[in-house]
C-alpha atoms as a PDB file:
ATOM      1  CA  UNK A   1      70.550 -40.536 244.989  1.00  0.00           C
ATOM      2  CA  UNK A   2      70.800 -37.050 243.467  1.00  0.00           C
ATOM      3  CA  UNK A   3      68.246 -37.705 240.729  1.00  0.00           C
ATOM      4  CA  UNK A   4      65.808 -39.272 243.188  1.00  0.00           C
ATOM      5  CA  UNK A   5      66.120 -36.314 245.550  1.00  0.00           C
ATOM      6  CA  UNK A   6      65.544 -33.815 242.743  1.00  0.00           C
ATOM      7  CA  UNK A   7      62.459 -35.668 241.503  1.00  0.00           C
ATOM      8  CA  UNK A   8      61.010 -35.879 245.009  1.00  0.00           C
ATOM      9  CA  UNK A   9      61.761 -32.201 245.667  1.00  0.00           C
ATOM     10  CA  UNK A  10      60.099 -31.263 242.383  1.00  0.00           C
ATOM     11  CA  UNK A  11      57.011 -33.267 243.348  1.00  0.00           C
ATOM     12  CA  UNK A  12      56.926 -31.473 246.715  1.00  0.00           C
ATOM     13  CA  UNK A  13      57.264 -27.991 245.247  1.00  0.00           C
ATOM     14  CA  UNK A  14      54.464 -28.476 242.690  1.00  0.00           C
ATOM     15  CA  UNK A  15      52.108 -30.106 245.201  1.00  0.00           C
ATOM     16  CA  UNK A  16      49.017 -27.863 245.012  1.00  0.00           C
ATOM     17  CA  UNK A  17      47.880 -28.274 248.618  1.00  0.00           C
ATOM     18  CA  UNK A  18      50.726 -26.377 250.360  1.00  0.00           C
ATOM     19  CA  UNK A  19      50.600 -23.660 247.686  1.00  0.00           C
ATOM     20  CA  UNK A  20      46.877 -23.169 248.310  1.00  0.00           C
ATOM     21  CA  UNK A  21      47.443 -22.942 252.057  1.00  0.00           C
ATOM     22  CA  UNK A  22      50.392 -20.565 251.621  1.00  0.00           C
ATOM     23  CA  UNK A  23      48.398 -18.290 249.311  1.00  0.00           C
ATOM     24  CA  UNK A  24      45.765 -17.942 252.030  1.00  0.00           C
ATOM     25  CA  UNK A  25      48.405 -17.215 254.678  1.00  0.00           C
ATOM     26  CA  UNK A  26      50.258 -14.481 252.771  1.00  0.00           C
ATOM     27  CA  UNK A  27      46.989 -12.838 251.743  1.00  0.00           C
ATOM     28  CA  UNK A  28      45.878 -12.337 255.342  1.00  0.00           C
ATOM     29  CA  UNK A  29      46.808  -9.622 257.827  1.00  0.00           C
ATOM     30  CA  UNK A  30      50.593  -9.542 258.414  1.00  0.00           C
ATOM     31  CA  UNK A  31      50.806 -11.951 255.504  1.00  0.00           C
ATOM     32  CA  UNK A  32      54.482 -11.298 254.759  1.00  0.00           C
ATOM     33  CA  UNK A  33      55.550 -12.246 258.277  1.00  0.00           C
ATOM     34  CA  UNK A  34      53.219 -15.233 258.385  1.00  0.00           C
ATOM     35  CA  UNK A  35      54.550 -16.366 255.027  1.00  0.00           C
ATOM     36  CA  UNK A  36      58.106 -16.148 256.351  1.00  0.00           C
ATOM     37  CA  UNK A  37      57.194 -18.154 259.439  1.00  0.00           C
ATOM     38  CA  UNK A  38      55.398 -20.700 257.244  1.00  0.00           C
ATOM     39  CA  UNK A  39      58.528 -21.131 255.104  1.00  0.00           C
ATOM     40  CA  UNK A  40      60.846 -21.402 258.119  1.00  0.00           C
ATOM     41  CA  UNK A  41      58.628 -24.067 259.696  1.00  0.00           C
ATOM     42  CA  UNK A  42      58.427 -25.866 256.351  1.00  0.00           C
ATOM     43  CA  UNK A  43      62.223 -25.860 256.027  1.00  0.00           C
ATOM     44  CA  UNK A  44      62.641 -26.905 259.652  1.00  0.00           C
ATOM     45  CA  UNK A  45      60.623 -30.060 258.951  1.00  0.00           C
ATOM     46  CA  UNK A  46      62.791 -30.957 255.962  1.00  0.00           C
ATOM     47  CA  UNK A  47      66.049 -30.239 257.798  1.00  0.00           C
ATOM     48  CA  UNK A  48      64.891 -32.188 260.862  1.00  0.00           C
ATOM     49  CA  UNK A  49      64.066 -35.266 258.782  1.00  0.00           C
ATOM     50  CA  UNK A  50      67.430 -35.112 257.008  1.00  0.00           C
ATOM     51  CA  UNK A  51      69.279 -34.608 260.297  1.00  0.00           C
ATOM     52  CA  UNK A  52      67.535 -37.588 261.896  1.00  0.00           C
ATOM     53  CA  UNK A  53      68.398 -39.865 258.973  1.00  0.00           C
ATOM     54  CA  UNK A  54      72.043 -38.748 258.889  1.00  0.00           C
ATOM     55  CA  UNK A  55      72.286 -39.247 262.650  1.00  0.00           C
ATOM     56  CA  UNK A  56      70.946 -42.793 262.357  1.00  0.00           C
ATOM     57  CA  UNK A  57      73.317 -43.674 259.498  1.00  0.00           C
ATOM     58  CA  UNK A  58      76.226 -41.652 260.912  1.00  0.00           C
ATOM     59  CA  UNK A  59      76.508 -40.017 257.502  1.00  0.00           C
ATOM     60  CA  UNK A  60      77.508 -43.254 255.780  1.00  0.00           C
ATOM     61  CA  UNK A  61      75.283 -45.270 253.416  1.00  0.00           C
ATOM     62  CA  UNK A  62      74.685 -48.867 254.510  1.00  0.00           C
ATOM     63  CA  UNK A  63      76.352 -51.588 252.411  1.00  0.00           C
ATOM     64  CA  UNK A  64      74.140 -52.590 249.447  1.00  0.00           C
ATOM     65  CA  UNK A  65      73.340 -56.119 250.647  1.00  0.00           C
ATOM     66  CA  UNK A  66      73.336 -55.448 254.371  1.00  0.00           C
ATOM     67  CA  UNK A  67      70.089 -55.705 256.370  1.00  0.00           C
ATOM     68  CA  UNK A  68      69.878 -51.889 256.832  1.00  0.00           C
ATOM     69  CA  UNK A  69      70.433 -51.364 253.100  1.00  0.00           C
ATOM     70  CA  UNK A  70      67.763 -53.879 252.159  1.00  0.00           C
ATOM     71  CA  UNK A  71      65.383 -52.417 254.747  1.00  0.00           C
ATOM     72  CA  UNK A  72      65.868 -48.941 253.265  1.00  0.00           C
ATOM     73  CA  UNK A  73      65.114 -50.176 249.750  1.00  0.00           C
ATOM     74  CA  UNK A  74      62.099 -52.109 251.028  1.00  0.00           C
ATOM     75  CA  UNK A  75      60.792 -48.969 252.717  1.00  0.00           C
ATOM     76  CA  UNK A  76      61.227 -46.996 249.498  1.00  0.00           C
ATOM     77  CA  UNK A  77      59.407 -49.763 247.600  1.00  0.00           C
ATOM     78  CA  UNK A  78      56.493 -49.659 250.058  1.00  0.00           C
ATOM     79  CA  UNK A  79      56.252 -45.869 249.734  1.00  0.00           C
ATOM     80  CA  UNK A  80      56.387 -46.112 245.936  1.00  0.00           C
ATOM     81  CA  UNK A  81      53.648 -48.736 245.829  1.00  0.00           C
ATOM     82  CA  UNK A  82      51.594 -46.701 248.284  1.00  0.00           C
ATOM     83  CA  UNK A  83      51.807 -43.647 246.035  1.00  0.00           C
ATOM     84  CA  UNK A  84      50.837 -45.693 242.974  1.00  0.00           C
ATOM     85  CA  UNK A  85      47.836 -47.314 244.653  1.00  0.00           C
ATOM     86  CA  UNK A  86      46.714 -44.030 246.141  1.00  0.00           C
ATOM     87  CA  UNK A  87      47.033 -42.311 242.762  1.00  0.00           C
ATOM     88  CA  UNK A  88      44.898 -45.012 241.146  1.00  0.00           C
ATOM     89  CA  UNK A  89      42.375 -44.804 243.990  1.00  0.00           C
ATOM     90  CA  UNK A  90      42.187 -41.030 243.673  1.00  0.00           C
ATOM     91  CA  UNK A  91      41.751 -41.338 239.903  1.00  0.00           C
ATOM     92  CA  UNK A  92      38.825 -43.746 240.312  1.00  0.00           C
ATOM     93  CA  UNK A  93      37.126 -41.370 242.723  1.00  0.00           C
ATOM     94  CA  UNK A  94      37.742 -38.445 240.377  1.00  0.00           C
ATOM     95  CA  UNK A  95      36.292 -40.335 237.411  1.00  0.00           C
ATOM     96  CA  UNK A  96      33.291 -41.285 239.532  1.00  0.00           C
ATOM     97  CA  UNK A  97      32.656 -37.595 240.116  1.00  0.00           C
ATOM     98  CA  UNK A  98      33.266 -37.738 243.873  1.00  0.00           C
ATOM     99  CA  UNK A  99      36.786 -36.465 244.595  1.00  0.00           C
ATOM    100  CA  UNK A 100      37.574 -36.492 248.308  1.00  0.00           C
ATOM    101  CA  UNK A 101      37.896 -33.172 250.103  1.00  0.00           C
ATOM    102  CA  UNK A 102      39.206 -32.318 253.532  1.00  0.00           C
ATOM    103  CA  UNK A 103      40.903 -35.709 253.873  1.00  0.00           C
ATOM    104  CA  UNK A 104      44.458 -36.796 254.488  1.00  0.00           C
ATOM    105  CA  UNK A 105      46.550 -37.763 251.461  1.00  0.00           C
ATOM    106  CA  UNK A 106      50.123 -39.028 250.950  1.00  0.00           C
ATOM    107  CA  UNK A 107      50.924 -35.511 249.772  1.00  0.00           C
ATOM    108  CA  UNK A 108      49.445 -33.924 252.889  1.00  0.00           C
ATOM    109  CA  UNK A 109      45.933 -33.106 254.088  1.00  0.00           C
ATOM    110  CA  UNK A 110      43.536 -31.502 251.651  1.00  0.00           C
ATOM    111  CA  UNK A 111      43.173 -27.789 252.145  1.00  0.00           C
ATOM    112  CA  UNK A 112      39.518 -26.810 252.559  1.00  0.00           C
ATOM    113  CA  UNK A 113      38.618 -24.435 249.789  1.00  0.00           C
ATOM    114  CA  UNK A 114      35.741 -22.830 247.998  1.00  0.00           C
ATOM    115  CA  UNK A 115      34.405 -19.508 246.906  1.00  0.00           C
ATOM    116  CA  UNK A 116      33.915 -18.299 250.468  1.00  0.00           C
ATOM    117  CA  UNK A 117      37.604 -18.833 251.175  1.00  0.00           C
ATOM    118  CA  UNK A 118      38.623 -16.715 248.215  1.00  0.00           C
ATOM    119  CA  UNK A 119      36.196 -13.884 248.858  1.00  0.00           C
ATOM    120  CA  UNK A 120      37.202 -13.721 252.522  1.00  0.00           C
ATOM    121  CA  UNK A 121      40.900 -14.326 251.942  1.00  0.00           C
ATOM    122  CA  UNK A 122      42.024 -11.271 253.906  1.00  0.00           C
ATOM    123  CA  UNK A 123      40.499 -12.584 257.100  1.00  0.00           C
ATOM    124  CA  UNK A 124      43.293 -13.320 259.575  1.00  0.00           C
ATOM    125  CA  UNK A 125      43.584 -17.148 259.722  1.00  0.00           C
ATOM    126  CA  UNK A 126      45.533 -17.036 262.964  1.00  0.00           C
ATOM    127  CA  UNK A 127      48.766 -16.061 264.656  1.00  0.00           C
ATOM    128  CA  UNK A 128      52.346 -16.579 263.554  1.00  0.00           C
ATOM    129  CA  UNK A 129      52.318 -19.824 265.514  1.00  0.00           C
ATOM    130  CA  UNK A 130      49.232 -20.896 263.591  1.00  0.00           C
ATOM    131  CA  UNK A 131      51.080 -20.244 260.320  1.00  0.00           C
ATOM    132  CA  UNK A 132      53.960 -22.414 261.531  1.00  0.00           C
ATOM    133  CA  UNK A 133      51.552 -25.160 262.560  1.00  0.00           C
ATOM    134  CA  UNK A 134      49.819 -25.007 259.205  1.00  0.00           C
ATOM    135  CA  UNK A 135      53.178 -25.488 257.453  1.00  0.00           C
ATOM    136  CA  UNK A 136      53.726 -28.677 259.440  1.00  0.00           C
ATOM    137  CA  UNK A 137      50.155 -29.831 258.806  1.00  0.00           C
ATOM    138  CA  UNK A 138      50.248 -29.422 255.020  1.00  0.00           C
ATOM    139  CA  UNK A 139      53.753 -30.834 254.659  1.00  0.00           C
ATOM    140  CA  UNK A 140      53.506 -33.672 252.088  1.00  0.00           C
ATOM    141  CA  UNK A 141      54.763 -36.266 254.534  1.00  0.00           C
ATOM    142  CA  UNK A 142      54.440 -39.145 252.092  1.00  0.00           C
ATOM    143  CA  UNK A 143      56.904 -37.436 249.760  1.00  0.00           C
ATOM    144  CA  UNK A 144      59.113 -36.363 252.656  1.00  0.00           C
ATOM    145  CA  UNK A 145      59.248 -40.015 253.765  1.00  0.00           C
ATOM    146  CA  UNK A 146      60.344 -40.959 250.245  1.00  0.00           C
ATOM    147  CA  UNK A 147      63.065 -38.338 250.531  1.00  0.00           C
ATOM    148  CA  UNK A 148      64.136 -39.756 253.895  1.00  0.00           C
ATOM    149  CA  UNK A 149      64.606 -43.253 252.433  1.00  0.00           C
ATOM    150  CA  UNK A 150      66.723 -41.692 249.689  1.00  0.00           C
ATOM    151  CA  UNK A 151      68.860 -39.751 252.174  1.00  0.00           C
ATOM    152  CA  UNK A 152      69.813 -43.142 253.650  1.00  0.00           C
ATOM    153  CA  UNK A 153      72.177 -43.384 250.673  1.00  0.00           C
ATOM    154  CA  UNK A 154      73.914 -40.094 251.539  1.00  0.00           C
ATOM    155  CA  UNK A 155      77.650 -40.096 252.176  1.00  0.00           C
ATOM    156  CA  UNK A 156      78.576 -36.985 254.119  1.00  0.00           C
ATOM    157  CA  UNK A 157      82.284 -37.479 253.418  1.00  0.00           C
ATOM    158  CA  UNK A 158      81.603 -36.042 249.942  1.00  0.00           C
ATOM    159  CA  UNK A 159      80.965 -32.345 249.441  1.00  0.00           C
ATOM    160  CA  UNK A 160      78.543 -33.150 246.626  1.00  0.00           C
ATOM    161  CA  UNK A 161      76.241 -34.774 249.189  1.00  0.00           C
ATOM    162  CA  UNK A 162      75.766 -31.486 251.027  1.00  0.00           C
ATOM    163  CA  UNK A 163      75.114 -29.745 247.715  1.00  0.00           C
ATOM    164  CA  UNK A 164      72.479 -32.350 246.848  1.00  0.00           C
ATOM    165  CA  UNK A 165      70.785 -32.042 250.242  1.00  0.00           C
ATOM    166  CA  UNK A 166      70.788 -28.255 250.026  1.00  0.00           C
ATOM    167  CA  UNK A 167      69.367 -28.478 246.504  1.00  0.00           C
ATOM    168  CA  UNK A 168      66.637 -30.804 247.766  1.00  0.00           C
ATOM    169  CA  UNK A 169      65.558 -28.380 250.496  1.00  0.00           C
ATOM    170  CA  UNK A 170      65.770 -25.372 248.179  1.00  0.00           C
ATOM    171  CA  UNK A 171      63.824 -26.944 245.314  1.00  0.00           C
ATOM    172  CA  UNK A 172      61.189 -28.352 247.690  1.00  0.00           C
ATOM    173  CA  UNK A 173      60.629 -24.796 248.959  1.00  0.00           C
ATOM    174  CA  UNK A 174      61.085 -22.938 245.659  1.00  0.00           C
ATOM    175  CA  UNK A 175      57.397 -22.310 244.927  1.00  0.00           C
ATOM    176  CA  UNK A 176      56.808 -20.934 248.438  1.00  0.00           C
ATOM    177  CA  UNK A 177      59.885 -18.721 248.256  1.00  0.00           C
ATOM    178  CA  UNK A 178      58.772 -17.363 244.880  1.00  0.00           C
ATOM    179  CA  UNK A 179      55.310 -16.532 246.238  1.00  0.00           C
ATOM    180  CA  UNK A 180      56.800 -14.865 249.333  1.00  0.00           C
ATOM    181  CA  UNK A 181      59.140 -12.674 247.272  1.00  0.00           C
ATOM    182  CA  UNK A 182      56.280 -11.801 244.947  1.00  0.00           C
ATOM    183  CA  UNK A 183      54.070 -10.667 247.812  1.00  0.00           C
ATOM    184  CA  UNK A 184      56.969  -8.597 249.254  1.00  0.00           C
ATOM    185  CA  UNK A 185      57.826  -6.685 246.088  1.00  0.00           C
ATOM    186  CA  UNK A 186      54.372  -6.445 244.465  1.00  0.00           C
ATOM    187  CA  UNK A 187      51.795  -6.985 247.223  1.00  0.00           C
ATOM    188  CA  UNK A 188      48.626  -5.827 245.456  1.00  0.00           C
ATOM    189  CA  UNK A 189      49.300  -7.570 242.165  1.00  0.00           C
ATOM    190  CA  UNK A 190      50.615 -10.647 243.952  1.00  0.00           C
ATOM    191  CA  UNK A 191      47.515 -10.917 246.144  1.00  0.00           C
ATOM    192  CA  UNK A 192      45.158 -10.939 243.166  1.00  0.00           C
ATOM    193  CA  UNK A 193      47.251 -13.410 241.206  1.00  0.00           C
ATOM    194  CA  UNK A 194      47.790 -15.727 244.143  1.00  0.00           C
ATOM    195  CA  UNK A 195      44.057 -15.832 244.765  1.00  0.00           C
ATOM    196  CA  UNK A 196      43.434 -16.643 241.102  1.00  0.00           C
ATOM    197  CA  UNK A 197      46.109 -19.315 241.288  1.00  0.00           C
ATOM    198  CA  UNK A 198      44.508 -20.743 244.414  1.00  0.00           C
ATOM    199  CA  UNK A 199      41.133 -20.817 242.681  1.00  0.00           C
ATOM    200  CA  UNK A 200      42.630 -22.576 239.659  1.00  0.00           C
ATOM    201  CA  UNK A 201      44.399 -25.115 241.877  1.00  0.00           C
ATOM    202  CA  UNK A 202      41.157 -25.878 243.685  1.00  0.00           C
ATOM    203  CA  UNK A 203      39.712 -26.986 240.364  1.00  0.00           C
ATOM    204  CA  UNK A 204      42.747 -28.999 239.278  1.00  0.00           C
ATOM    205  CA  UNK A 205      44.312 -30.297 242.490  1.00  0.00           C
ATOM    206  CA  UNK A 206      42.850 -33.790 242.057  1.00  0.00           C
ATOM    207  CA  UNK A 207      44.468 -34.224 238.630  1.00  0.00           C
ATOM    208  CA  UNK A 208      47.769 -32.881 239.946  1.00  0.00           C
ATOM    209  CA  UNK A 209      47.763 -35.263 242.905  1.00  0.00           C
ATOM    210  CA  UNK A 210      47.033 -38.244 240.654  1.00  0.00           C
ATOM    211  CA  UNK A 211      49.890 -37.347 238.290  1.00  0.00           C
ATOM    212  CA  UNK A 212      52.372 -36.718 241.117  1.00  0.00           C
ATOM    213  CA  UNK A 213      51.483 -39.963 242.902  1.00  0.00           C
ATOM    214  CA  UNK A 214      51.621 -42.131 239.777  1.00  0.00           C
ATOM    215  CA  UNK A 215      54.785 -40.671 238.230  1.00  0.00           C
ATOM    216  CA  UNK A 216      56.840 -40.577 241.417  1.00  0.00           C
ATOM    217  CA  UNK A 217      55.373 -43.823 242.738  1.00  0.00           C
ATOM    218  CA  UNK A 218      56.217 -45.727 239.557  1.00  0.00           C
ATOM    219  CA  UNK A 219      59.742 -44.292 239.541  1.00  0.00           C
ATOM    220  CA  UNK A 220      60.430 -45.250 243.164  1.00  0.00           C
ATOM    221  CA  UNK A 221      58.855 -48.670 242.742  1.00  0.00           C
ATOM    222  CA  UNK A 222      60.767 -49.496 239.567  1.00  0.00           C
ATOM    223  CA  UNK A 223      64.115 -48.313 240.914  1.00  0.00           C
ATOM    224  CA  UNK A 224      63.639 -50.107 244.241  1.00  0.00           C
ATOM    225  CA  UNK A 225      62.789 -53.393 242.516  1.00  0.00           C
ATOM    226  CA  UNK A 226      65.824 -53.009 240.237  1.00  0.00           C
ATOM    227  CA  UNK A 227      68.158 -52.389 243.165  1.00  0.00           C
ATOM    228  CA  UNK A 228      66.683 -55.225 245.228  1.00  0.00           C
ATOM    229  CA  UNK A 229      66.950 -57.774 242.427  1.00  0.00           C
ATOM    230  CA  UNK A 230      70.065 -56.432 240.669  1.00  0.00           C
END
């Protein structure tokens, strides 16, 4: 469980779409406060999903061959296959020279971007509530769902489980936390670099999404098949 959670959290934290959205938020008016609200809403989603799963399982993993245990592995297998197929689909579109923009993906909705966004990055994108809503919108729900199926294996009678769950939430938020601290302690430099990073991600987000989907999807698929047939 621990390794799966760490891999999923790593995939979440390097997902380019939330980083692009966060860079726009913290570069706007009252960006520090909006960034904080964005992070709190982001964390709230992760904690809520974990809490729901632990409530359903009562903090105890289902027996390996029980119907709930098999259903959890089947769900993880479906998510893994979905990520693989989507990664291959996205790769075909990218190779055809027509990558999708502004559409929903397993990693979250695409963040509209372009030169006009970068040059007008200090325009206020909305209120604090809008920043919180954006955090929920760009949450990579496909990856969060993969994390939820992994949390089914959590045993809350062990202290190490809480450490693993905390590590999952922290690592999944690490890139956002780093950007927030950067904008707090070096606002001018951070703004310029975050905008350059956002511009670079706009040109490479398709490749990143394909890699994340294929690597994580193959891992979840292979492990699920092994556990179902082992």
